[in-house]
C-alpha atoms as a PDB file:
ATOM      1  CA  UNK A   1       6.493  27.198   2.050  1.00  0.00           C
ATOM      2  CA  UNK A   2       9.677  25.182   0.757  1.00  0.00           C
ATOM      3  CA  UNK A   3      12.271  23.767   3.825  1.00  0.00           C
ATOM      4  CA  UNK A   4      15.305  25.513   4.539  1.00  0.00           C
ATOM      5  CA  UNK A   5      17.799  22.211   4.174  1.00  0.00           C
ATOM      6  CA  UNK A   6      18.731  23.775   8.402  1.00  0.00           C
ATOM      7  CA  UNK A   7      14.914  23.556   8.639  1.00  0.00           C
ATOM      8  CA  UNK A   8      14.404  19.662   7.410  1.00  0.00           C
ATOM      9  CA  UNK A   9      16.802  18.838   9.428  1.00  0.00           C
ATOM     10  CA  UNK A  10      15.155  20.696  12.561  1.00  0.00           C
ATOM     11  CA  UNK A  11      11.896  19.046  11.784  1.00  0.00           C
ATOM     12  CA  UNK A  12      14.000  15.799  11.388  1.00  0.00           C
ATOM     13  CA  UNK A  13      15.011  16.419  15.311  1.00  0.00           C
ATOM     14  CA  UNK A  14      11.301  16.853  16.364  1.00  0.00           C
ATOM     15  CA  UNK A  15      10.069  13.888  14.643  1.00  0.00           C
ATOM     16  CA  UNK A  16      10.772   9.884  14.681  1.00  0.00           C
ATOM     17  CA  UNK A  17      12.020   8.969  11.587  1.00  0.00           C
ATOM     18  CA  UNK A  18      11.715   5.369  10.406  1.00  0.00           C
ATOM     19  CA  UNK A  19      13.315   3.958   7.692  1.00  0.00           C
ATOM     20  CA  UNK A  20      11.895   0.658   6.705  1.00  0.00           C
ATOM     21  CA  UNK A  21      14.540  -1.391   4.478  1.00  0.00           C
ATOM     22  CA  UNK A  22      18.457  -1.396   4.469  1.00  0.00           C
ATOM     23  CA  UNK A  23      20.351  -4.537   4.066  1.00  0.00           C
ATOM     24  CA  UNK A  24      23.560  -3.908   6.503  1.00  0.00           C
ATOM     25  CA  UNK A  25      22.872  -6.542   8.704  1.00  0.00           C
ATOM     26  CA  UNK A  26      24.388  -8.793   5.839  1.00  0.00           C
ATOM     27  CA  UNK A  27      27.357  -6.039   5.523  1.00  0.00           C
ATOM     28  CA  UNK A  28      28.054  -6.675   8.996  1.00  0.00           C
ATOM     29  CA  UNK A  29      27.453  -9.994   9.591  1.00  0.00           C
ATOM     30  CA  UNK A  30      29.559 -11.364   6.073  1.00  0.00           C
ATOM     31  CA  UNK A  31      32.047  -8.536   5.623  1.00  0.00           C
ATOM     32  CA  UNK A  32      33.049  -7.300   9.240  1.00  0.00           C
ATOM     33  CA  UNK A  33      31.587  -3.955   8.029  1.00  0.00           C
ATOM     34  CA  UNK A  34      31.789  -1.833  11.822  1.00  0.00           C
ATOM     35  CA  UNK A  35      28.503   0.091  12.327  1.00  0.00           C
ATOM     36  CA  UNK A  36      29.529   2.405  14.856  1.00  0.00           C
ATOM     37  CA  UNK A  37      32.297   3.488  12.684  1.00  0.00           C
ATOM     38  CA  UNK A  38      31.653   6.618   9.202  1.00  0.00           C
ATOM     39  CA  UNK A  39      32.334   5.239   6.795  1.00  0.00           C
ATOM     40  CA  UNK A  40      32.803   7.717   3.236  1.00  0.00           C
ATOM     41  CA  UNK A  41      29.953   7.934   1.821  1.00  0.00           C
ATOM     42  CA  UNK A  42      29.903   6.461  -1.558  1.00  0.00           C
ATOM     43  CA  UNK A  43      30.800   7.555  -4.577  1.00  0.00           C
ATOM     44  CA  UNK A  44      28.731   7.349  -7.782  1.00  0.00           C
ATOM     45  CA  UNK A  45      30.905   6.437  -9.968  1.00  0.00           C
ATOM     46  CA  UNK A  46      31.958   3.049 -10.483  1.00  0.00           C
ATOM     47  CA  UNK A  47      29.433   1.608  -8.123  1.00  0.00           C
ATOM     48  CA  UNK A  48      27.335   2.622  -5.676  1.00  0.00           C
ATOM     49  CA  UNK A  49      25.698  -0.480  -4.200  1.00  0.00           C
ATOM     50  CA  UNK A  50      26.905  -0.083  -0.412  1.00  0.00           C
ATOM     51  CA  UNK A  51      28.324   1.513   2.663  1.00  0.00           C
ATOM     52  CA  UNK A  52      25.260   4.017   3.104  1.00  0.00           C
ATOM     53  CA  UNK A  53      23.897   3.318   6.342  1.00  0.00           C
ATOM     54  CA  UNK A  54      26.249   3.845   9.885  1.00  0.00           C
ATOM     55  CA  UNK A  55      24.996   5.175  13.241  1.00  0.00           C
ATOM     56  CA  UNK A  56      27.488   8.988  12.706  1.00  0.00           C
ATOM     57  CA  UNK A  57      25.543   9.010   9.630  1.00  0.00           C
ATOM     58  CA  UNK A  58      21.880   7.505  11.430  1.00  0.00           C
ATOM     59  CA  UNK A  59      22.634  10.942  13.291  1.00  0.00           C
ATOM     60  CA  UNK A  60      23.698  12.990  10.915  1.00  0.00           C
ATOM     61  CA  UNK A  61      20.551  12.092   8.835  1.00  0.00           C
ATOM     62  CA  UNK A  62      18.119  12.140  11.671  1.00  0.00           C
ATOM     63  CA  UNK A  63      16.853   8.689  11.775  1.00  0.00           C
ATOM     64  CA  UNK A  64      14.971   7.814  14.840  1.00  0.00           C
ATOM     65  CA  UNK A  65      15.459   3.984  13.785  1.00  0.00           C
ATOM     66  CA  UNK A  66      16.612   1.882  11.086  1.00  0.00           C
ATOM     67  CA  UNK A  67      14.291  -1.435  10.103  1.00  0.00           C
ATOM     68  CA  UNK A  68      17.384  -3.554   9.605  1.00  0.00           C
ATOM     69  CA  UNK A  69      16.422  -6.062   6.925  1.00  0.00           C
ATOM     70  CA  UNK A  70      17.751  -9.772   7.457  1.00  0.00           C
ATOM     71  CA  UNK A  71      18.403 -11.676   3.648  1.00  0.00           C
ATOM     72  CA  UNK A  72      19.268 -15.135   3.168  1.00  0.00           C
ATOM     73  CA  UNK A  73      19.992 -16.873  -0.512  1.00  0.00           C
ATOM     74  CA  UNK A  74      17.361 -19.802  -0.559  1.00  0.00           C
ATOM     75  CA  UNK A  75      19.781 -22.072  -2.432  1.00  0.00           C
ATOM     76  CA  UNK A  76      19.520 -24.276  -0.348  1.00  0.00           C
ATOM     77  CA  UNK A  77      16.592 -23.550   2.268  1.00  0.00           C
ATOM     78  CA  UNK A  78      18.485 -25.211   5.223  1.00  0.00           C
ATOM     79  CA  UNK A  79      20.341 -22.572   7.130  1.00  0.00           C
ATOM     80  CA  UNK A  80      18.353 -19.628   6.212  1.00  0.00           C
ATOM     81  CA  UNK A  81      17.321 -19.612   9.649  1.00  0.00           C
ATOM     82  CA  UNK A  82      20.756 -19.691  10.613  1.00  0.00           C
ATOM     83  CA  UNK A  83      22.495 -16.913   8.298  1.00  0.00           C
ATOM     84  CA  UNK A  84      19.089 -14.747  10.456  1.00  0.00           C
ATOM     85  CA  UNK A  85      20.378 -16.032  13.346  1.00  0.00           C
ATOM     86  CA  UNK A  86      23.816 -14.500  12.625  1.00  0.00           C
ATOM     87  CA  UNK A  87      22.926 -10.919  10.903  1.00  0.00           C
ATOM     88  CA  UNK A  88      20.648 -10.709  14.576  1.00  0.00           C
ATOM     89  CA  UNK A  89      23.675 -11.453  15.950  1.00  0.00           C
ATOM     90  CA  UNK A  90      25.910  -8.733  14.588  1.00  0.00           C
ATOM     91  CA  UNK A  91      23.682  -6.248  15.711  1.00  0.00           C
ATOM     92  CA  UNK A  92      23.078  -7.536  19.584  1.00  0.00           C
ATOM     93  CA  UNK A  93      27.342  -6.877  19.805  1.00  0.00           C
ATOM     94  CA  UNK A  94      27.049  -3.620  17.920  1.00  0.00           C
ATOM     95  CA  UNK A  95      24.024  -2.513  20.959  1.00  0.00           C
ATOM     96  CA  UNK A  96      26.887  -4.881  23.495  1.00  0.00           C
ATOM     97  CA  UNK A  97      29.958  -2.347  22.486  1.00  0.00           C
ATOM     98  CA  UNK A  98      27.565   0.651  22.132  1.00  0.00           C
ATOM     99  CA  UNK A  99      24.086   1.248  24.074  1.00  0.00           C
ATOM    100  CA  UNK A 100      23.703   4.410  24.466  1.00  0.00           C
ATOM    101  CA  UNK A 101      23.694   4.507  20.742  1.00  0.00           C
ATOM    102  CA  UNK A 102      21.731   1.794  19.544  1.00  0.00           C
ATOM    103  CA  UNK A 103      18.864  -0.713  20.668  1.00  0.00           C
ATOM    104  CA  UNK A 104      16.912  -2.960  20.003  1.00  0.00           C
ATOM    105  CA  UNK A 105      12.793  -1.448  19.857  1.00  0.00           C
ATOM    106  CA  UNK A 106       9.500  -3.154  18.612  1.00  0.00           C
ATOM    107  CA  UNK A 107       6.871  -0.528  19.732  1.00  0.00           C
ATOM    108  CA  UNK A 108       6.208   2.611  18.718  1.00  0.00           C
ATOM    109  CA  UNK A 109       6.668   2.950  22.678  1.00  0.00           C
ATOM    110  CA  UNK A 110       9.670   2.333  22.069  1.00  0.00           C
ATOM    111  CA  UNK A 111      11.131   4.370  19.739  1.00  0.00           C
ATOM    112  CA  UNK A 112       9.344   7.302  21.088  1.00  0.00           C
ATOM    113  CA  UNK A 113      11.029   6.061  24.586  1.00  0.00           C
ATOM    114  CA  UNK A 114      14.705   5.139  22.626  1.00  0.00           C
ATOM    115  CA  UNK A 115      14.627   8.942  20.960  1.00  0.00           C
ATOM    116  CA  UNK A 116      13.737  11.018  24.412  1.00  0.00           C
ATOM    117  CA  UNK A 117      17.155   9.009  25.712  1.00  0.00           C
ATOM    118  CA  UNK A 118      19.654  10.758  22.601  1.00  0.00           C
ATOM    119  CA  UNK A 119      19.169   6.455  21.311  1.00  0.00           C
ATOM    120  CA  UNK A 120      18.282   4.954  17.506  1.00  0.00           C
ATOM    121  CA  UNK A 121      16.181   2.074  17.455  1.00  0.00           C
ATOM    122  CA  UNK A 122      16.799  -0.681  15.758  1.00  0.00           C
ATOM    123  CA  UNK A 123      13.639  -2.726  14.330  1.00  0.00           C
ATOM    124  CA  UNK A 124      14.094  -5.837  13.068  1.00  0.00           C
ATOM    125  CA  UNK A 125      12.676  -7.154   9.178  1.00  0.00           C
ATOM    126  CA  UNK A 126      13.176 -10.753   7.581  1.00  0.00           C
ATOM    127  CA  UNK A 127      13.445 -10.253   3.803  1.00  0.00           C
ATOM    128  CA  UNK A 128      12.571 -13.783   2.526  1.00  0.00           C
ATOM    129  CA  UNK A 129      10.231 -16.955   3.638  1.00  0.00           C
ATOM    130  CA  UNK A 130      12.770 -19.303   3.276  1.00  0.00           C
ATOM    131  CA  UNK A 131      14.072 -17.886   6.664  1.00  0.00           C
ATOM    132  CA  UNK A 132      10.811 -20.536   8.224  1.00  0.00           C
ATOM    133  CA  UNK A 133      12.338 -22.758   6.557  1.00  0.00           C
ATOM    134  CA  UNK A 134       9.159 -24.550   6.470  1.00  0.00           C
ATOM    135  CA  UNK A 135       8.218 -24.351  10.240  1.00  0.00           C
ATOM    136  CA  UNK A 136       5.540 -21.867  11.884  1.00  0.00           C
ATOM    137  CA  UNK A 137       7.530 -21.995  15.035  1.00  0.00           C
ATOM    138  CA  UNK A 138      10.897 -20.444  13.332  1.00  0.00           C
ATOM    139  CA  UNK A 139       8.415 -17.207  13.626  1.00  0.00           C
ATOM    140  CA  UNK A 140       7.526 -16.435  17.078  1.00  0.00           C
ATOM    141  CA  UNK A 141      11.343 -17.549  17.689  1.00  0.00           C
ATOM    142  CA  UNK A 142      12.060 -14.837  14.938  1.00  0.00           C
ATOM    143  CA  UNK A 143       9.648 -12.914  16.521  1.00  0.00           C
ATOM    144  CA  UNK A 144      11.491 -13.251  20.580  1.00  0.00           C
ATOM    145  CA  UNK A 145      14.714 -12.098  19.388  1.00  0.00           C
ATOM    146  CA  UNK A 146      13.361  -8.881  17.745  1.00  0.00           C
ATOM    147  CA  UNK A 147      11.834  -9.454  14.071  1.00  0.00           C
ATOM    148  CA  UNK A 148       9.079  -7.036  13.867  1.00  0.00           C
ATOM    149  CA  UNK A 149       7.958  -7.629   9.979  1.00  0.00           C
ATOM    150  CA  UNK A 150       8.679 -11.192   7.609  1.00  0.00           C
ATOM    151  CA  UNK A 151       8.932 -10.052   4.155  1.00  0.00           C
ATOM    152  CA  UNK A 152       7.033 -13.683   3.150  1.00  0.00           C
ATOM    153  CA  UNK A 153       8.697 -13.808  -0.388  1.00  0.00           C
ATOM    154  CA  UNK A 154      12.321 -11.974  -1.949  1.00  0.00           C
ATOM    155  CA  UNK A 155      13.601 -13.395  -5.524  1.00  0.00           C
ATOM    156  CA  UNK A 156      12.381 -17.256  -5.850  1.00  0.00           C
ATOM    157  CA  UNK A 157       9.644 -19.699  -4.266  1.00  0.00           C
ATOM    158  CA  UNK A 158       9.301 -21.015  -1.343  1.00  0.00           C
ATOM    159  CA  UNK A 159       6.592 -22.665   0.692  1.00  0.00           C
ATOM    160  CA  UNK A 160       4.723 -19.201   1.081  1.00  0.00           C
ATOM    161  CA  UNK A 161       4.452 -18.905  -2.138  1.00  0.00           C
ATOM    162  CA  UNK A 162       5.281 -17.232  -5.366  1.00  0.00           C
ATOM    163  CA  UNK A 163       7.668 -13.950  -6.018  1.00  0.00           C
ATOM    164  CA  UNK A 164       6.650 -10.875  -8.259  1.00  0.00           C
ATOM    165  CA  UNK A 165       9.274 -12.376  -9.992  1.00  0.00           C
ATOM    166  CA  UNK A 166      12.840 -14.376 -10.354  1.00  0.00           C
ATOM    167  CA  UNK A 167      12.725 -17.784  -9.707  1.00  0.00           C
ATOM    168  CA  UNK A 168       9.908 -19.987  -9.579  1.00  0.00           C
ATOM    169  CA  UNK A 169       7.342 -16.571 -10.415  1.00  0.00           C
ATOM    170  CA  UNK A 170       4.042 -17.914 -11.983  1.00  0.00           C
ATOM    171  CA  UNK A 171       1.548 -15.056 -11.836  1.00  0.00           C
ATOM    172  CA  UNK A 172      -1.420 -17.571 -11.565  1.00  0.00           C
ATOM    173  CA  UNK A 173      -0.043 -19.685  -8.530  1.00  0.00           C
ATOM    174  CA  UNK A 174      -1.082 -17.747  -4.587  1.00  0.00           C
ATOM    175  CA  UNK A 175      -0.147 -18.208  -1.664  1.00  0.00           C
ATOM    176  CA  UNK A 176      -0.242 -21.700  -0.884  1.00  0.00           C
ATOM    177  CA  UNK A 177      -2.188 -23.689   2.578  1.00  0.00           C
ATOM    178  CA  UNK A 178       1.089 -23.086   4.790  1.00  0.00           C
ATOM    179  CA  UNK A 179       1.389 -19.426   3.677  1.00  0.00           C
ATOM    180  CA  UNK A 180      -2.141 -18.846   4.882  1.00  0.00           C
ATOM    181  CA  UNK A 181      -1.002 -20.370   8.374  1.00  0.00           C
ATOM    182  CA  UNK A 182       1.902 -18.051   8.088  1.00  0.00           C
ATOM    183  CA  UNK A 183      -0.320 -15.036   7.756  1.00  0.00           C
ATOM    184  CA  UNK A 184      -2.118 -16.183  11.187  1.00  0.00           C
ATOM    185  CA  UNK A 185       0.738 -17.298  12.581  1.00  0.00           C
ATOM    186  CA  UNK A 186       2.200 -13.426  11.934  1.00  0.00           C
ATOM    187  CA  UNK A 187      -0.552 -12.039  13.462  1.00  0.00           C
ATOM    188  CA  UNK A 188      -0.451 -14.317  16.411  1.00  0.00           C
ATOM    189  CA  UNK A 189       3.521 -13.586  17.190  1.00  0.00           C
ATOM    190  CA  UNK A 190       2.989  -9.609  16.412  1.00  0.00           C
ATOM    191  CA  UNK A 191       4.729  -9.498  13.264  1.00  0.00           C
ATOM    192  CA  UNK A 192       4.078  -7.408  10.875  1.00  0.00           C
ATOM    193  CA  UNK A 193       3.440  -9.316   7.120  1.00  0.00           C
ATOM    194  CA  UNK A 194       5.124  -7.128   4.394  1.00  0.00           C
ATOM    195  CA  UNK A 195       4.066  -7.443   1.296  1.00  0.00           C
ATOM    196  CA  UNK A 196       7.392  -6.552  -0.652  1.00  0.00           C
ATOM    197  CA  UNK A 197       8.530  -9.386  -3.675  1.00  0.00           C
ATOM    198  CA  UNK A 198       5.106 -11.076  -3.422  1.00  0.00           C
ATOM    199  CA  UNK A 199       3.146 -11.801  -7.282  1.00  0.00           C
ATOM    200  CA  UNK A 200       0.121  -9.669  -7.778  1.00  0.00           C
ATOM    201  CA  UNK A 201      -2.659 -12.281  -6.625  1.00  0.00           C
ATOM    202  CA  UNK A 202      -0.886 -13.574  -3.809  1.00  0.00           C
ATOM    203  CA  UNK A 203      -1.048  -9.828  -2.486  1.00  0.00           C
ATOM    204  CA  UNK A 204      -4.776  -9.885  -2.449  1.00  0.00           C
ATOM    205  CA  UNK A 205      -4.825 -13.466  -0.658  1.00  0.00           C
ATOM    206  CA  UNK A 206      -2.942 -11.685   1.717  1.00  0.00           C
ATOM    207  CA  UNK A 207      -5.210  -8.742   2.060  1.00  0.00           C
ATOM    208  CA  UNK A 208      -8.203 -10.633   2.433  1.00  0.00           C
ATOM    209  CA  UNK A 209      -7.051 -12.721   5.250  1.00  0.00           C
ATOM    210  CA  UNK A 210      -5.317 -10.530   7.588  1.00  0.00           C
ATOM    211  CA  UNK A 211      -7.033  -8.872   9.728  1.00  0.00           C
ATOM    212  CA  UNK A 212      -4.393  -5.871  11.061  1.00  0.00           C
ATOM    213  CA  UNK A 213      -2.343  -3.349   8.959  1.00  0.00           C
ATOM    214  CA  UNK A 214       0.229  -4.638   6.907  1.00  0.00           C
ATOM    215  CA  UNK A 215       2.950  -3.507   5.368  1.00  0.00           C
ATOM    216  CA  UNK A 216       5.069  -3.547   2.003  1.00  0.00           C
ATOM    217  CA  UNK A 217       8.835  -1.666   2.891  1.00  0.00           C
ATOM    218  CA  UNK A 218      10.102  -1.140  -0.406  1.00  0.00           C
ATOM    219  CA  UNK A 219       8.377  -1.047  -3.576  1.00  0.00           C
ATOM    220  CA  UNK A 220       7.992   1.416  -5.758  1.00  0.00           C
ATOM    221  CA  UNK A 221       5.016   2.463  -8.020  1.00  0.00           C
ATOM    222  CA  UNK A 222       3.929   2.133 -11.746  1.00  0.00           C
ATOM    223  CA  UNK A 223       1.932   5.089 -11.678  1.00  0.00           C
ATOM    224  CA  UNK A 224       4.647   6.576 -12.468  1.00  0.00           C
ATOM    225  CA  UNK A 225       7.069   4.500 -13.413  1.00  0.00           C
ATOM    226  CA  UNK A 226       6.152   1.137 -14.565  1.00  0.00           C
ATOM    227  CA  UNK A 227       8.467  -2.254 -13.321  1.00  0.00           C
ATOM    228  CA  UNK A 228       7.859  -5.939 -12.345  1.00  0.00           C
ATOM    229  CA  UNK A 229       9.760  -4.098  -8.712  1.00  0.00           C
ATOM    230  CA  UNK A 230       6.498  -1.317  -8.702  1.00  0.00           C
ATOM    231  CA  UNK A 231       3.183  -2.185  -7.784  1.00  0.00           C
ATOM    232  CA  UNK A 232       0.063  -0.381  -9.007  1.00  0.00           C
ATOM    233  CA  UNK A 233      -3.263   2.061  -8.361  1.00  0.00           C
ATOM    234  CA  UNK A 234      -4.948  -1.072  -6.869  1.00  0.00           C
ATOM    235  CA  UNK A 235      -2.821  -2.436  -4.546  1.00  0.00           C
ATOM    236  CA  UNK A 236      -2.396   1.194  -3.016  1.00  0.00           C
ATOM    237  CA  UNK A 237      -5.374   1.744  -2.076  1.00  0.00           C
ATOM    238  CA  UNK A 238      -5.937  -2.278  -0.810  1.00  0.00           C
ATOM    239  CA  UNK A 239      -2.874  -1.623   1.386  1.00  0.00           C
ATOM    240  CA  UNK A 240      -4.547   1.500   2.687  1.00  0.00           C
ATOM    241  CA  UNK A 241      -8.213   0.632   3.775  1.00  0.00           C
ATOM    242  CA  UNK A 242      -5.720  -2.050   5.377  1.00  0.00           C
ATOM    243  CA  UNK A 243      -4.068   0.362   7.483  1.00  0.00           C
ATOM    244  CA  UNK A 244      -0.936  -0.002   6.456  1.00  0.00           C
ATOM    245  CA  UNK A 245       2.013   1.689   4.586  1.00  0.00           C
ATOM    246  CA  UNK A 246       4.451   1.839   1.886  1.00  0.00           C
ATOM    247  CA  UNK A 247       7.455   2.292   1.582  1.00  0.00           C
ATOM    248  CA  UNK A 248       9.333   4.084  -1.097  1.00  0.00           C
ATOM    249  CA  UNK A 249      12.174   2.814  -2.587  1.00  0.00           C
ATOM    250  CA  UNK A 250      15.465   4.247  -3.098  1.00  0.00           C
ATOM    251  CA  UNK A 251      16.452   2.527  -6.004  1.00  0.00           C
ATOM    252  CA  UNK A 252      17.102   4.056  -9.327  1.00  0.00           C
ATOM    253  CA  UNK A 253      16.355   1.511 -11.245  1.00  0.00           C
ATOM    254  CA  UNK A 254      12.831   0.932 -10.216  1.00  0.00           C
ATOM    255  CA  UNK A 255      12.117   4.984  -9.975  1.00  0.00           C
ATOM    256  CA  UNK A 256      12.899   5.443 -13.525  1.00  0.00           C
ATOM    257  CA  UNK A 257      14.619   8.180 -12.875  1.00  0.00           C
ATOM    258  CA  UNK A 258      18.581   9.357 -10.820  1.00  0.00           C
ATOM    259  CA  UNK A 259      16.984  12.025  -9.744  1.00  0.00           C
ATOM    260  CA  UNK A 260      15.737  12.880  -5.985  1.00  0.00           C
ATOM    261  CA  UNK A 261      12.243  14.247  -7.414  1.00  0.00           C
ATOM    262  CA  UNK A 262      11.663  10.493  -8.773  1.00  0.00           C
ATOM    263  CA  UNK A 263      11.557   9.584  -4.541  1.00  0.00           C
ATOM    264  CA  UNK A 264       8.854  13.178  -4.167  1.00  0.00           C
ATOM    265  CA  UNK A 265       7.157  11.468  -7.646  1.00  0.00           C
ATOM    266  CA  UNK A 266       6.228   8.302  -6.173  1.00  0.00           C
ATOM    267  CA  UNK A 267       6.177   9.500  -3.018  1.00  0.00           C
ATOM    268  CA  UNK A 268       3.527  12.615  -4.592  1.00  0.00           C
ATOM    269  CA  UNK A 269       1.648   9.390  -6.172  1.00  0.00           C
ATOM    270  CA  UNK A 270       0.648   7.712  -3.850  1.00  0.00           C
ATOM    271  CA  UNK A 271      -0.529  10.221  -1.507  1.00  0.00           C
ATOM    272  CA  UNK A 272      -3.297  11.401  -4.792  1.00  0.00           C
ATOM    273  CA  UNK A 273      -3.876   7.302  -5.129  1.00  0.00           C
ATOM    274  CA  UNK A 274      -3.854   6.350  -1.571  1.00  0.00           C
ATOM    275  CA  UNK A 275      -4.084   9.486   1.288  1.00  0.00           C
ATOM    276  CA  UNK A 276      -1.210  10.593   3.034  1.00  0.00           C
ATOM    277  CA  UNK A 277      -1.639   8.250   5.500  1.00  0.00           C
ATOM    278  CA  UNK A 278      -0.142   5.135   3.343  1.00  0.00           C
ATOM    279  CA  UNK A 279       3.529   6.577   2.363  1.00  0.00           C
ATOM    280  CA  UNK A 280       6.676   6.329   4.283  1.00  0.00           C
ATOM    281  CA  UNK A 281      10.039   5.499   3.549  1.00  0.00           C
ATOM    282  CA  UNK A 282      11.927   2.285   2.723  1.00  0.00           C
ATOM    283  CA  UNK A 283      15.269   3.313   0.707  1.00  0.00           C
ATOM    284  CA  UNK A 284      16.968  -0.519   0.886  1.00  0.00           C
ATOM    285  CA  UNK A 285      20.651   0.819   1.439  1.00  0.00           C
ATOM    286  CA  UNK A 286      22.889  -0.970   1.268  1.00  0.00           C
ATOM    287  CA  UNK A 287      20.887  -3.770  -0.064  1.00  0.00           C
ATOM    288  CA  UNK A 288      23.022  -3.483  -4.205  1.00  0.00           C
ATOM    289  CA  UNK A 289      20.830  -0.448  -4.932  1.00  0.00           C
ATOM    290  CA  UNK A 290      21.790   3.037  -6.473  1.00  0.00           C
ATOM    291  CA  UNK A 291      20.617   6.083  -4.839  1.00  0.00           C
ATOM    292  CA  UNK A 292      19.700   9.270  -7.211  1.00  0.00           C
ATOM    293  CA  UNK A 293      21.731  12.079  -6.815  1.00  0.00           C
ATOM    294  CA  UNK A 294      21.459  14.027  -3.271  1.00  0.00           C
ATOM    295  CA  UNK A 295      20.357  11.424  -1.660  1.00  0.00           C
ATOM    296  CA  UNK A 296      23.892   9.488  -1.410  1.00  0.00           C
ATOM    297  CA  UNK A 297      23.571   7.676   2.176  1.00  0.00           C
ATOM    298  CA  UNK A 298      21.209   8.173   5.062  1.00  0.00           C
ATOM    299  CA  UNK A 299      22.685  10.749   6.194  1.00  0.00           C
ATOM    300  CA  UNK A 300      21.166  12.979   3.242  1.00  0.00           C
ATOM    301  CA  UNK A 301      17.626  12.338   4.011  1.00  0.00           C
ATOM    302  CA  UNK A 302      17.258  16.152   4.908  1.00  0.00           C
ATOM    303  CA  UNK A 303      17.339  16.108   1.036  1.00  0.00           C
ATOM    304  CA  UNK A 304      14.080  14.694   0.649  1.00  0.00           C
ATOM    305  CA  UNK A 305      12.513  16.573   2.651  1.00  0.00           C
ATOM    306  CA  UNK A 306      13.556  19.675   1.083  1.00  0.00           C
ATOM    307  CA  UNK A 307      12.692  18.255  -1.643  1.00  0.00           C
ATOM    308  CA  UNK A 308       9.068  17.230  -0.822  1.00  0.00           C
ATOM    309  CA  UNK A 309       8.968  20.405   1.075  1.00  0.00           C
ATOM    310  CA  UNK A 310       9.595  21.877  -2.374  1.00  0.00           C
ATOM    311  CA  UNK A 311       6.707  20.399  -4.197  1.00  0.00           C
ATOM    312  CA  UNK A 312       4.552  21.751  -1.652  1.00  0.00           C
ATOM    313  CA  UNK A 313       4.120  18.746   1.451  1.00  0.00           C
ATOM    314  CA  UNK A 314       3.160  20.676   4.562  1.00  0.00           C
ATOM    315  CA  UNK A 315       4.907  20.162   7.866  1.00  0.00           C
ATOM    316  CA  UNK A 316       2.056  17.863   9.367  1.00  0.00           C
ATOM    317  CA  UNK A 317       2.416  15.979   6.236  1.00  0.00           C
ATOM    318  CA  UNK A 318       6.003  15.879   6.580  1.00  0.00           C
ATOM    319  CA  UNK A 319       6.260  14.352   9.235  1.00  0.00           C
ATOM    320  CA  UNK A 320       3.697  11.446   8.453  1.00  0.00           C
ATOM    321  CA  UNK A 321       6.071  10.800   5.869  1.00  0.00           C
ATOM    322  CA  UNK A 322       9.372  10.343   7.573  1.00  0.00           C
ATOM    323  CA  UNK A 323       7.863   8.225   9.905  1.00  0.00           C
ATOM    324  CA  UNK A 324       4.364   8.532  11.414  1.00  0.00           C
ATOM    325  CA  UNK A 325       3.161   6.375   9.555  1.00  0.00           C
ATOM    326  CA  UNK A 326       5.193   4.021  10.867  1.00  0.00           C
ATOM    327  CA  UNK A 327       4.625   4.479  14.048  1.00  0.00           C
ATOM    328  CA  UNK A 328       0.282   4.087  13.720  1.00  0.00           C
ATOM    329  CA  UNK A 329       1.287   0.863  12.057  1.00  0.00           C
ATOM    330  CA  UNK A 330       3.690  -0.505  15.222  1.00  0.00           C
ATOM    331  CA  UNK A 331       0.986   1.317  17.665  1.00  0.00           C
ATOM    332  CA  UNK A 332      -1.987  -1.123  15.953  1.00  0.00           C
ATOM    333  CA  UNK A 333      -0.103  -4.494  15.174  1.00  0.00           C
ATOM    334  CA  UNK A 334       0.357  -4.974  19.341  1.00  0.00           C
ATOM    335  CA  UNK A 335       3.885  -6.559  20.313  1.00  0.00           C
ATOM    336  CA  UNK A 336       4.188  -9.785  21.087  1.00  0.00           C
ATOM    337  CA  UNK A 337       6.540 -12.240  22.812  1.00  0.00           C
ATOM    338  CA  UNK A 338      10.447 -10.450  24.436  1.00  0.00           C
ATOM    339  CA  UNK A 339      13.128  -9.573  23.647  1.00  0.00           C
ATOM    340  CA  UNK A 340      16.174 -12.144  23.473  1.00  0.00           C
ATOM    341  CA  UNK A 341      17.962 -11.697  26.449  1.00  0.00           C
END
């Protein structure tokens, strides 16, 4: 049975909707973007690459928690840690000014409790291991500030390994010795390893080392649209066997279409290959991506729920896709340390 839009919104109100990846904190830090203010929906033309997320629209979309991903310019690497700290500061400032709306969360229990109080959970992720600046100690420091996942690579090589594409990409080289230490230290510090952007060799080497579930925060799948940015069926099965989850990106160029049904196609492919415990949402909103028609911003998420139901996905599985698969991973990877005061 296909859900109506009102029924989709009601489902969002009942379950815990989580998006694994939005770059909004960079806009807040560098451009003074006010997360608490409602912004006009970006127009499809001439550009619709940022301005997708704010607190009013998170509420309209029925979102319980948003992972804010902190990306940095890796050239030069020195200064990347400071850049992440500055983005964390920007989120801290918004929470201080709007404590009833936004709160740091690190665990599934935190997300559930925040929703019960009427607050939206902010969760932190780092996009690109250059933010560590070559030191393991940075992982503990970031964990204490609320960072819950670390994307090992972005668009350039770093001390951990090689990207799928970008500066220094090399398919023949996997994790460095330091990269192996990073995986172990992430597990010690309660930081989930994120395999978005890493090359295929490094992807499987991380999985060989991992003793805890991991994630791919934002990606498409080659089984629907062959593209260097997307992961293949073998990778999907490996994440499933690890107990992890895969967030499907909302970027047209990686989906292969401007239709919201393309997002559904990618999610259904993940389910068909790896099971319904694996797919999640990984929008990449505010990350210079053009989303599909019908998913213009975070407020439009109920449209995706309707589209999934139209393709036969039942409410029990919709809840998994919308956020409960992510909650399962959060529950399975113990958080460590404490948030900074």
